[in-house]
Amino acid sequence: MTYNNETFELIDEFIDIGYMAEDIEAHDDKGNVLIIQKASPNRSIQIIMSFPNFEDFKEEIIAFDTFMNDAQVEIFTYILFDSPLEIKHTFKKLIVAYDRNEDYGNMYGTKIVSGSLENRLTKALFLIGKDGAIYHIDMPQNLHNSFDMERIRVELNKVYQSYTGVGCHG
């Protein structure tokens, strides 16, 4: 992956589309443990996304928060950073969390292991369905590239319609 004319590598582990998401332990702004479960308790769609920092990606993060606020269904959207940051912005939908134990970075393959961003999280987005399966991943090779919002919109519609939560006998 690249950022600001620098190439860096990610950890070898990687979770892919079709796999079951992993439960991860993160922390909130107050340092409290926050367990992000592979399937949300109320069977809602989830998005887990990460960035190396807030300041360099502020505009894209705020735009994504607005995009999620306009969604017609409840979608839990977590934004993870590697360590606590001072963010002077109030989000409408994004739930800020910190991957202090590196659960997310190690299990989802988002931990940067070389270069000036070593031990930070790369820019990534994982769309997790109501059943806990990963339906879409957006992880730009160049961090200057924005997430593909049209594709994310299409994938959100697909995952919303893909599983009703009632099983085959409902």
N, C-alpha and C. Protein backbone atom coordinates (compact mmCIF):
# COMPACT_ATOMS: atom_id res chain seq x y z
N MET A 1 0.84 -1.17 0.00
CA MET A 1 0.00 0.00 0.00
C MET A 1 0.89 1.23 0.00
N THR A 2 0.29 2.35 -0.42
CA THR A 2 1.07 3.58 -0.48
C THR A 2 0.32 4.74 0.17
N TYR A 3 1.13 5.69 0.65
CA TYR A 3 0.59 6.92 1.20
C TYR A 3 1.72 7.95 1.21
N ASN A 4 1.45 9.12 0.67
CA ASN A 4 2.45 10.19 0.59
C ASN A 4 3.77 9.70 0.00
N ASN A 5 3.68 9.01 -1.12
CA ASN A 5 4.85 8.49 -1.85
C ASN A 5 5.68 7.49 -1.06
N GLU A 6 5.10 6.87 -0.05
CA GLU A 6 5.78 5.85 0.73
C GLU A 6 5.01 4.54 0.59
N THR A 7 5.75 3.47 0.42
CA THR A 7 5.15 2.14 0.36
C THR A 7 5.26 1.49 1.73
N PHE A 8 4.21 0.81 2.14
CA PHE A 8 4.25 0.08 3.41
C PHE A 8 3.53 -1.25 3.27
N GLU A 9 3.78 -2.12 4.22
CA GLU A 9 3.19 -3.46 4.19
C GLU A 9 2.23 -3.63 5.36
N LEU A 10 1.28 -4.57 5.15
CA LEU A 10 0.33 -4.93 6.19
C LEU A 10 0.71 -6.28 6.77
N ILE A 11 0.19 -6.55 7.94
CA ILE A 11 0.38 -7.85 8.58
C ILE A 11 -0.09 -8.95 7.63
N ASP A 12 0.46 -10.13 7.75
CA ASP A 12 0.14 -11.23 6.84
C ASP A 12 -1.28 -11.77 6.99
N GLU A 13 -1.85 -11.66 8.16
CA GLU A 13 -3.21 -12.17 8.38
C GLU A 13 -4.21 -11.33 7.60
N PHE A 14 -5.28 -11.97 7.14
CA PHE A 14 -6.29 -11.22 6.40
C PHE A 14 -7.60 -11.99 6.45
N ILE A 15 -8.68 -11.29 6.64
CA ILE A 15 -10.01 -11.88 6.62
C ILE A 15 -10.63 -11.45 5.29
N ASP A 16 -11.43 -12.32 4.68
CA ASP A 16 -11.90 -12.02 3.34
C ASP A 16 -13.42 -12.09 3.26
N ILE A 17 -13.95 -11.64 2.15
CA ILE A 17 -15.39 -11.68 1.88
C ILE A 17 -15.86 -13.13 1.98
N GLY A 18 -17.00 -13.31 2.62
CA GLY A 18 -17.57 -14.63 2.78
C GLY A 18 -17.22 -15.27 4.11
N TYR A 19 -16.15 -14.82 4.73
CA TYR A 19 -15.78 -15.35 6.04
C TYR A 19 -16.65 -14.74 7.11
N MET A 20 -16.74 -15.43 8.25
CA MET A 20 -17.44 -14.90 9.41
C MET A 20 -16.56 -13.82 10.04
N ALA A 21 -17.15 -12.71 10.39
CA ALA A 21 -16.41 -11.65 11.07
C ALA A 21 -15.92 -12.18 12.43
N GLU A 22 -14.98 -11.49 13.00
CA GLU A 22 -14.42 -11.86 14.31
C GLU A 22 -14.90 -10.87 15.36
N ASP A 23 -15.14 -11.36 16.57
CA ASP A 23 -15.39 -10.47 17.70
C ASP A 23 -14.07 -9.76 18.00
N ILE A 24 -14.14 -8.47 18.26
CA ILE A 24 -12.93 -7.75 18.62
C ILE A 24 -13.15 -6.92 19.88
N GLU A 25 -12.11 -6.82 20.66
CA GLU A 25 -12.14 -5.99 21.86
C GLU A 25 -11.48 -4.66 21.52
N ALA A 26 -12.19 -3.60 21.75
CA ALA A 26 -11.68 -2.26 21.54
C ALA A 26 -11.95 -1.45 22.81
N HIS A 27 -11.64 -0.18 22.77
CA HIS A 27 -11.89 0.69 23.91
C HIS A 27 -12.56 1.97 23.42
N ASP A 28 -13.42 2.53 24.26
CA ASP A 28 -14.07 3.79 23.91
C ASP A 28 -13.19 4.96 24.36
N ASP A 29 -13.70 6.18 24.22
CA ASP A 29 -12.94 7.38 24.58
C ASP A 29 -12.55 7.45 26.05
N LYS A 30 -13.31 6.77 26.88
CA LYS A 30 -13.03 6.80 28.32
C LYS A 30 -12.16 5.62 28.76
N GLY A 31 -11.76 4.79 27.81
CA GLY A 31 -10.92 3.64 28.15
C GLY A 31 -11.70 2.39 28.52
N ASN A 32 -13.03 2.46 28.45
CA ASN A 32 -13.86 1.30 28.76
C ASN A 32 -13.78 0.27 27.63
N VAL A 33 -13.84 -0.99 28.01
CA VAL A 33 -13.81 -2.06 27.02
C VAL A 33 -15.10 -2.04 26.21
N LEU A 34 -14.96 -2.18 24.92
CA LEU A 34 -16.08 -2.20 23.98
C LEU A 34 -15.90 -3.46 23.12
N ILE A 35 -16.79 -4.41 23.26
CA ILE A 35 -16.72 -5.63 22.45
C ILE A 35 -17.57 -5.41 21.19
N ILE A 36 -16.91 -5.46 20.06
CA ILE A 36 -17.62 -5.35 18.78
C ILE A 36 -17.83 -6.79 18.31
N GLN A 37 -19.07 -7.23 18.39
CA GLN A 37 -19.39 -8.62 18.08
C GLN A 37 -19.53 -8.84 16.59
N LYS A 38 -19.22 -10.07 16.17
CA LYS A 38 -19.30 -10.41 14.75
C LYS A 38 -20.71 -10.26 14.20
N ALA A 39 -21.69 -10.50 15.03
CA ALA A 39 -23.08 -10.27 14.64
C ALA A 39 -23.69 -9.40 15.73
N SER A 40 -24.23 -8.27 15.35
CA SER A 40 -24.78 -7.36 16.36
C SER A 40 -25.94 -8.03 17.08
N PRO A 41 -26.13 -7.69 18.36
CA PRO A 41 -27.17 -8.34 19.16
C PRO A 41 -28.57 -8.24 18.57
N ASN A 42 -28.88 -7.15 17.89
CA ASN A 42 -30.22 -7.00 17.32
C ASN A 42 -30.27 -7.30 15.82
N ARG A 43 -29.24 -8.03 15.35
CA ARG A 43 -29.17 -8.47 13.95
C ARG A 43 -29.18 -7.31 12.96
N SER A 44 -28.44 -6.27 13.28
CA SER A 44 -28.30 -5.14 12.38
C SER A 44 -27.04 -5.29 11.54
N ILE A 45 -27.02 -4.62 10.42
CA ILE A 45 -25.83 -4.55 9.59
C ILE A 45 -24.79 -3.73 10.36
N GLN A 46 -23.52 -4.09 10.18
CA GLN A 46 -22.44 -3.35 10.82
C GLN A 46 -21.38 -2.97 9.80
N ILE A 47 -20.74 -1.86 10.05
CA ILE A 47 -19.56 -1.47 9.29
C ILE A 47 -18.45 -1.22 10.29
N ILE A 48 -17.31 -1.82 10.02
CA ILE A 48 -16.12 -1.53 10.82
C ILE A 48 -15.12 -0.91 9.85
N MET A 49 -14.67 0.28 10.19
CA MET A 49 -13.70 0.94 9.33
C MET A 49 -12.56 1.48 10.17
N SER A 50 -11.44 1.73 9.52
CA SER A 50 -10.28 2.24 10.23
C SER A 50 -9.52 3.22 9.36
N PHE A 51 -8.74 4.03 10.02
CA PHE A 51 -7.86 5.01 9.37
C PHE A 51 -6.59 5.13 10.21
N PRO A 52 -5.47 5.52 9.58
CA PRO A 52 -4.24 5.70 10.34
C PRO A 52 -4.32 6.84 11.36
N ASN A 53 -5.12 7.87 11.05
CA ASN A 53 -5.31 9.00 11.97
C ASN A 53 -6.58 9.74 11.56
N PHE A 54 -6.94 10.74 12.33
CA PHE A 54 -8.15 11.50 12.02
C PHE A 54 -7.85 12.71 11.14
N GLU A 55 -6.83 13.47 11.47
CA GLU A 55 -6.58 14.74 10.81
C GLU A 55 -6.38 14.62 9.30
N ASP A 56 -5.59 13.66 8.85
CA ASP A 56 -5.32 13.53 7.41
C ASP A 56 -6.54 13.07 6.62
N PHE A 57 -7.49 12.45 7.29
CA PHE A 57 -8.65 11.86 6.61
C PHE A 57 -9.98 12.47 7.09
N LYS A 58 -9.88 13.59 7.76
CA LYS A 58 -11.02 14.24 8.39
C LYS A 58 -12.20 14.44 7.46
N GLU A 59 -11.95 15.00 6.28
CA GLU A 59 -13.04 15.29 5.34
C GLU A 59 -13.76 14.01 4.91
N GLU A 60 -13.01 12.97 4.61
CA GLU A 60 -13.63 11.71 4.19
C GLU A 60 -14.41 11.07 5.34
N ILE A 61 -13.87 11.14 6.54
CA ILE A 61 -14.55 10.55 7.71
C ILE A 61 -15.85 11.29 7.98
N ILE A 62 -15.83 12.60 7.97
CA ILE A 62 -17.04 13.39 8.22
C ILE A 62 -18.07 13.16 7.12
N ALA A 63 -17.63 13.07 5.88
CA ALA A 63 -18.55 12.79 4.77
C ALA A 63 -19.18 11.41 4.93
N PHE A 64 -18.40 10.43 5.41
CA PHE A 64 -18.95 9.09 5.61
C PHE A 64 -19.97 9.10 6.75
N ASP A 65 -19.71 9.87 7.78
CA ASP A 65 -20.66 10.00 8.89
C ASP A 65 -21.99 10.58 8.37
N THR A 66 -21.92 11.57 7.51
CA THR A 66 -23.13 12.14 6.91
C THR A 66 -23.85 11.11 6.05
N PHE A 67 -23.09 10.36 5.27
CA PHE A 67 -23.65 9.29 4.44
C PHE A 67 -24.41 8.27 5.30
N MET A 68 -23.80 7.86 6.42
CA MET A 68 -24.44 6.88 7.31
C MET A 68 -25.66 7.48 8.01
N ASN A 69 -25.62 8.76 8.31
CA ASN A 69 -26.75 9.41 8.96
C ASN A 69 -27.97 9.45 8.04
N ASP A 70 -27.73 9.44 6.73
CA ASP A 70 -28.83 9.46 5.77
C ASP A 70 -29.42 8.07 5.49
N ALA A 71 -28.80 7.02 6.03
CA ALA A 71 -29.29 5.66 5.80
C ALA A 71 -30.70 5.50 6.38
N GLN A 72 -31.52 4.75 5.70
CA GLN A 72 -32.90 4.54 6.11
C GLN A 72 -33.07 3.42 7.13
N VAL A 73 -32.01 2.64 7.36
CA VAL A 73 -32.05 1.55 8.33
C VAL A 73 -30.92 1.74 9.33
N GLU A 74 -31.08 1.09 10.48
CA GLU A 74 -30.03 1.18 11.50
C GLU A 74 -28.82 0.35 11.09
N ILE A 75 -27.68 0.99 11.06
CA ILE A 75 -26.42 0.33 10.74
C ILE A 75 -25.41 0.78 11.78
N PHE A 76 -24.88 -0.15 12.55
CA PHE A 76 -23.85 0.20 13.52
C PHE A 76 -22.55 0.41 12.76
N THR A 77 -21.96 1.59 12.91
CA THR A 77 -20.76 1.93 12.17
C THR A 77 -19.66 2.34 13.15
N TYR A 78 -18.64 1.50 13.23
CA TYR A 78 -17.51 1.74 14.11
C TYR A 78 -16.35 2.28 13.30
N ILE A 79 -15.66 3.26 13.85
CA ILE A 79 -14.43 3.76 13.26
C ILE A 79 -13.33 3.54 14.27
N LEU A 80 -12.32 2.79 13.85
CA LEU A 80 -11.24 2.43 14.75
C LEU A 80 -9.94 3.13 14.39
N PHE A 81 -9.23 3.50 15.44
CA PHE A 81 -7.87 4.03 15.34
C PHE A 81 -7.00 3.18 16.25
N ASP A 82 -5.69 3.22 16.03
CA ASP A 82 -4.81 2.35 16.82
C ASP A 82 -4.69 2.80 18.28
N SER A 83 -4.81 4.09 18.54
CA SER A 83 -4.69 4.59 19.91
C SER A 83 -5.55 5.84 20.07
N PRO A 84 -5.85 6.21 21.31
CA PRO A 84 -6.73 7.37 21.54
C PRO A 84 -6.21 8.65 20.88
N LEU A 85 -7.16 9.39 20.33
CA LEU A 85 -6.89 10.65 19.65
C LEU A 85 -7.79 11.72 20.23
N GLU A 86 -7.37 12.94 20.10
CA GLU A 86 -8.25 14.04 20.47
C GLU A 86 -8.99 14.46 19.21
N ILE A 87 -10.26 14.11 19.14
CA ILE A 87 -11.08 14.42 17.97
C ILE A 87 -12.08 15.49 18.37
N LYS A 88 -11.95 16.65 17.77
CA LYS A 88 -12.85 17.76 18.10
C LYS A 88 -13.99 17.81 17.09
N HIS A 89 -14.71 16.72 17.03
CA HIS A 89 -15.86 16.64 16.14
C HIS A 89 -16.87 15.70 16.79
N THR A 90 -18.13 16.04 16.71
CA THR A 90 -19.18 15.17 17.23
C THR A 90 -19.80 14.44 16.06
N PHE A 91 -19.73 13.12 16.09
CA PHE A 91 -20.27 12.32 15.01
C PHE A 91 -21.75 12.05 15.22
N LYS A 92 -22.47 11.94 14.11
CA LYS A 92 -23.90 11.62 14.14
C LYS A 92 -24.11 10.12 14.27
N LYS A 93 -23.31 9.33 13.55
CA LYS A 93 -23.52 7.88 13.49
C LYS A 93 -22.28 7.06 13.82
N LEU A 94 -21.10 7.60 13.59
CA LEU A 94 -19.89 6.82 13.80
C LEU A 94 -19.62 6.63 15.29
N ILE A 95 -19.27 5.41 15.65
CA ILE A 95 -18.89 5.07 17.01
C ILE A 95 -17.38 4.94 17.02
N VAL A 96 -16.71 5.86 17.71
CA VAL A 96 -15.24 5.87 17.75
C VAL A 96 -14.75 4.84 18.75
N ALA A 97 -13.76 4.06 18.32
CA ALA A 97 -13.16 3.05 19.19
C ALA A 97 -11.67 2.97 18.89
N TYR A 98 -10.94 2.41 19.85
CA TYR A 98 -9.49 2.31 19.74
C TYR A 98 -9.05 0.86 19.87
N ASP A 99 -8.22 0.43 18.96
CA ASP A 99 -7.74 -0.95 18.88
C ASP A 99 -6.46 -1.12 19.71
N ARG A 100 -6.55 -0.82 20.99
CA ARG A 100 -5.37 -0.82 21.85
C ARG A 100 -4.76 -2.21 22.01
N ASN A 101 -5.56 -3.25 21.94
CA ASN A 101 -5.04 -4.63 22.06
C ASN A 101 -4.68 -5.22 20.70
N GLU A 102 -4.89 -4.46 19.65
CA GLU A 102 -4.57 -4.86 18.28
C GLU A 102 -5.41 -6.04 17.77
N ASP A 103 -6.57 -6.28 18.36
CA ASP A 103 -7.46 -7.35 17.89
C ASP A 103 -7.85 -7.12 16.43
N TYR A 104 -8.36 -5.94 16.15
CA TYR A 104 -8.82 -5.62 14.80
C TYR A 104 -7.66 -5.64 13.82
N GLY A 105 -6.60 -4.97 14.15
CA GLY A 105 -5.44 -4.89 13.25
C GLY A 105 -4.88 -6.25 12.91
N ASN A 106 -4.80 -7.13 13.90
CA ASN A 106 -4.24 -8.46 13.68
C ASN A 106 -5.22 -9.42 13.00
N MET A 107 -6.47 -9.42 13.41
CA MET A 107 -7.43 -10.39 12.86
C MET A 107 -8.00 -9.99 11.50
N TYR A 108 -8.11 -8.70 11.25
CA TYR A 108 -8.67 -8.24 9.98
C TYR A 108 -7.60 -7.87 8.95
N GLY A 109 -6.33 -7.94 9.35
CA GLY A 109 -5.24 -7.66 8.42
C GLY A 109 -5.06 -6.20 8.11
N THR A 110 -5.39 -5.32 9.05
CA THR A 110 -5.32 -3.89 8.81
C THR A 110 -4.14 -3.21 9.50
N LYS A 111 -3.33 -3.98 10.20
CA LYS A 111 -2.18 -3.41 10.93
C LYS A 111 -1.02 -3.19 9.97
N ILE A 112 -0.50 -1.98 9.96
CA ILE A 112 0.65 -1.63 9.13
C ILE A 112 1.91 -2.07 9.87
N VAL A 113 2.80 -2.78 9.18
CA VAL A 113 3.99 -3.35 9.84
C VAL A 113 5.31 -2.78 9.33
N SER A 114 5.26 -1.73 8.52
CA SER A 114 6.51 -1.13 8.05
C SER A 114 6.31 0.35 7.75
N GLY A 115 7.41 1.07 7.67
CA GLY A 115 7.35 2.47 7.27
C GLY A 115 6.98 3.42 8.39
N SER A 116 6.72 4.66 8.02
CA SER A 116 6.42 5.70 9.01
C SER A 116 5.07 5.50 9.69
N LEU A 117 4.21 4.68 9.12
CA LEU A 117 2.90 4.39 9.72
C LEU A 117 2.90 3.06 10.47
N GLU A 118 4.06 2.51 10.75
CA GLU A 118 4.15 1.22 11.43
C GLU A 118 3.34 1.24 12.72
N ASN A 119 2.60 0.14 12.95
CA ASN A 119 1.73 -0.09 14.11
C ASN A 119 0.46 0.75 14.10
N ARG A 120 0.19 1.40 13.00
CA ARG A 120 -1.10 2.08 12.84
C ARG A 120 -2.02 1.19 12.03
N LEU A 121 -3.27 1.60 11.91
CA LEU A 121 -4.25 0.87 11.11
C LEU A 121 -4.34 1.51 9.73
N THR A 122 -4.47 0.68 8.71
CA THR A 122 -4.64 1.22 7.37
C THR A 122 -6.09 1.65 7.17
N LYS A 123 -6.31 2.34 6.09
CA LYS A 123 -7.66 2.74 5.71
C LYS A 123 -8.38 1.49 5.19
N ALA A 124 -9.47 1.13 5.85
CA ALA A 124 -10.20 -0.08 5.47
C ALA A 124 -11.65 0.03 5.90
N LEU A 125 -12.51 -0.68 5.19
CA LEU A 125 -13.93 -0.74 5.51
C LEU A 125 -14.41 -2.17 5.30
N PHE A 126 -15.07 -2.71 6.32
CA PHE A 126 -15.64 -4.06 6.27
C PHE A 126 -17.14 -3.94 6.50
N LEU A 127 -17.91 -4.44 5.56
CA LEU A 127 -19.37 -4.45 5.65
C LEU A 127 -19.78 -5.85 6.12
N ILE A 128 -20.42 -5.90 7.28
CA ILE A 128 -20.78 -7.17 7.91
C ILE A 128 -22.30 -7.29 7.93
N GLY A 129 -22.78 -8.40 7.42
CA GLY A 129 -24.23 -8.63 7.34
C GLY A 129 -24.85 -8.96 8.68
N LYS A 130 -26.16 -9.07 8.66
CA LYS A 130 -26.93 -9.36 9.86
C LYS A 130 -26.55 -10.70 10.49
N ASP A 131 -26.04 -11.60 9.67
CA ASP A 131 -25.67 -12.93 10.14
C ASP A 131 -24.20 -13.02 10.56
N GLY A 132 -23.44 -11.91 10.47
CA GLY A 132 -22.05 -11.90 10.89
C GLY A 132 -21.05 -12.20 9.79
N ALA A 133 -21.52 -12.42 8.56
CA ALA A 133 -20.62 -12.69 7.44
C ALA A 133 -20.13 -11.38 6.83
N ILE A 134 -18.91 -11.40 6.32
CA ILE A 134 -18.35 -10.23 5.65
C ILE A 134 -18.83 -10.23 4.21
N TYR A 135 -19.50 -9.16 3.82
CA TYR A 135 -20.10 -9.04 2.49
C TYR A 135 -19.28 -8.16 1.55
N HIS A 136 -18.53 -7.22 2.09
CA HIS A 136 -17.78 -6.30 1.24
C HIS A 136 -16.59 -5.75 2.00
N ILE A 137 -15.48 -5.58 1.29
CA ILE A 137 -14.28 -4.96 1.85
C ILE A 137 -13.83 -3.87 0.89
N ASP A 138 -13.52 -2.71 1.43
CA ASP A 138 -12.93 -1.63 0.64
C ASP A 138 -11.64 -1.24 1.36
N MET A 139 -10.50 -1.53 0.73
CA MET A 139 -9.19 -1.23 1.30
C MET A 139 -8.31 -0.67 0.19
N PRO A 140 -8.38 0.65 -0.04
CA PRO A 140 -7.63 1.24 -1.15
C PRO A 140 -6.12 0.99 -1.05
N GLN A 141 -5.52 0.65 -2.18
CA GLN A 141 -4.07 0.44 -2.22
C GLN A 141 -3.31 1.75 -2.00
N ASN A 142 -3.90 2.86 -2.43
CA ASN A 142 -3.32 4.17 -2.19
C ASN A 142 -4.27 4.89 -1.22
N LEU A 143 -3.76 5.24 -0.05
CA LEU A 143 -4.63 5.82 0.98
C LEU A 143 -5.18 7.19 0.60
N HIS A 144 -4.65 7.80 -0.43
CA HIS A 144 -5.21 9.06 -0.92
C HIS A 144 -6.53 8.82 -1.64
N ASN A 145 -6.77 7.61 -2.10
CA ASN A 145 -8.03 7.28 -2.78
C ASN A 145 -9.14 7.12 -1.76
N SER A 146 -10.27 7.70 -2.05
CA SER A 146 -11.43 7.59 -1.16
C SER A 146 -12.10 6.23 -1.31
N PHE A 147 -12.89 5.88 -0.30
CA PHE A 147 -13.71 4.69 -0.42
C PHE A 147 -14.66 4.87 -1.61
N ASP A 148 -15.02 3.78 -2.25
CA ASP A 148 -15.93 3.80 -3.39
C ASP A 148 -17.37 3.85 -2.85
N MET A 149 -17.88 5.06 -2.68
CA MET A 149 -19.18 5.24 -2.03
C MET A 149 -20.34 4.65 -2.83
N GLU A 150 -20.28 4.72 -4.14
CA GLU A 150 -21.36 4.12 -4.94
C GLU A 150 -21.38 2.60 -4.75
N ARG A 151 -20.21 1.99 -4.74
CA ARG A 151 -20.14 0.54 -4.53
C ARG A 151 -20.62 0.19 -3.13
N ILE A 152 -20.24 0.98 -2.15
CA ILE A 152 -20.69 0.73 -0.77
C ILE A 152 -22.21 0.83 -0.69
N ARG A 153 -22.79 1.81 -1.36
CA ARG A 153 -24.26 1.96 -1.37
C ARG A 153 -24.92 0.71 -1.98
N VAL A 154 -24.38 0.22 -3.09
CA VAL A 154 -24.91 -0.98 -3.73
C VAL A 154 -24.78 -2.19 -2.80
N GLU A 155 -23.61 -2.34 -2.18
CA GLU A 155 -23.37 -3.48 -1.29
C GLU A 155 -24.26 -3.41 -0.05
N LEU A 156 -24.50 -2.22 0.47
CA LEU A 156 -25.41 -2.08 1.60
C LEU A 156 -26.82 -2.55 1.23
N ASN A 157 -27.27 -2.18 0.04
CA ASN A 157 -28.59 -2.63 -0.41
C ASN A 157 -28.63 -4.14 -0.55
N LYS A 158 -27.57 -4.73 -1.08
CA LYS A 158 -27.52 -6.19 -1.23
C LYS A 158 -27.58 -6.88 0.12
N VAL A 159 -26.75 -6.42 1.06
CA VAL A 159 -26.71 -7.09 2.36
C VAL A 159 -28.02 -6.90 3.11
N TYR A 160 -28.66 -5.76 2.95
CA TYR A 160 -29.94 -5.53 3.61
C TYR A 160 -31.00 -6.51 3.12
N GLN A 161 -30.99 -6.81 1.83
CA GLN A 161 -31.98 -7.70 1.24
C GLN A 161 -31.61 -9.17 1.31
N SER A 162 -30.37 -9.47 1.70
CA SER A 162 -29.88 -10.85 1.59
C SER A 162 -30.33 -11.79 2.69
N TYR A 163 -30.69 -11.27 3.83
CA TYR A 163 -31.01 -12.17 4.94
C TYR A 163 -32.09 -11.52 5.81
N THR A 164 -33.17 -12.23 6.01
CA THR A 164 -34.30 -11.66 6.75
C THR A 164 -34.22 -11.94 8.24
N GLY A 165 -33.36 -12.88 8.65
CA GLY A 165 -33.23 -13.20 10.08
C GLY A 165 -34.23 -14.24 10.55
N VAL A 166 -35.05 -14.77 9.65
CA VAL A 166 -36.06 -15.75 10.09
C VAL A 166 -35.69 -17.18 9.72
N GLY A 167 -34.63 -17.39 9.01
CA GLY A 167 -34.23 -18.75 8.65
C GLY A 167 -35.09 -19.33 7.56
N CYS A 168 -34.87 -20.60 7.28
CA CYS A 168 -35.56 -21.24 6.16
C CYS A 168 -36.99 -21.68 6.48
N HIS A 169 -37.38 -21.65 7.76
CA HIS A 169 -38.72 -22.09 8.13
C HIS A 169 -39.61 -20.92 8.55
N GLY A 170 -39.15 -19.69 8.29
CA GLY A 170 -39.89 -18.50 8.73
C GLY A 170 -40.93 -18.18 7.79
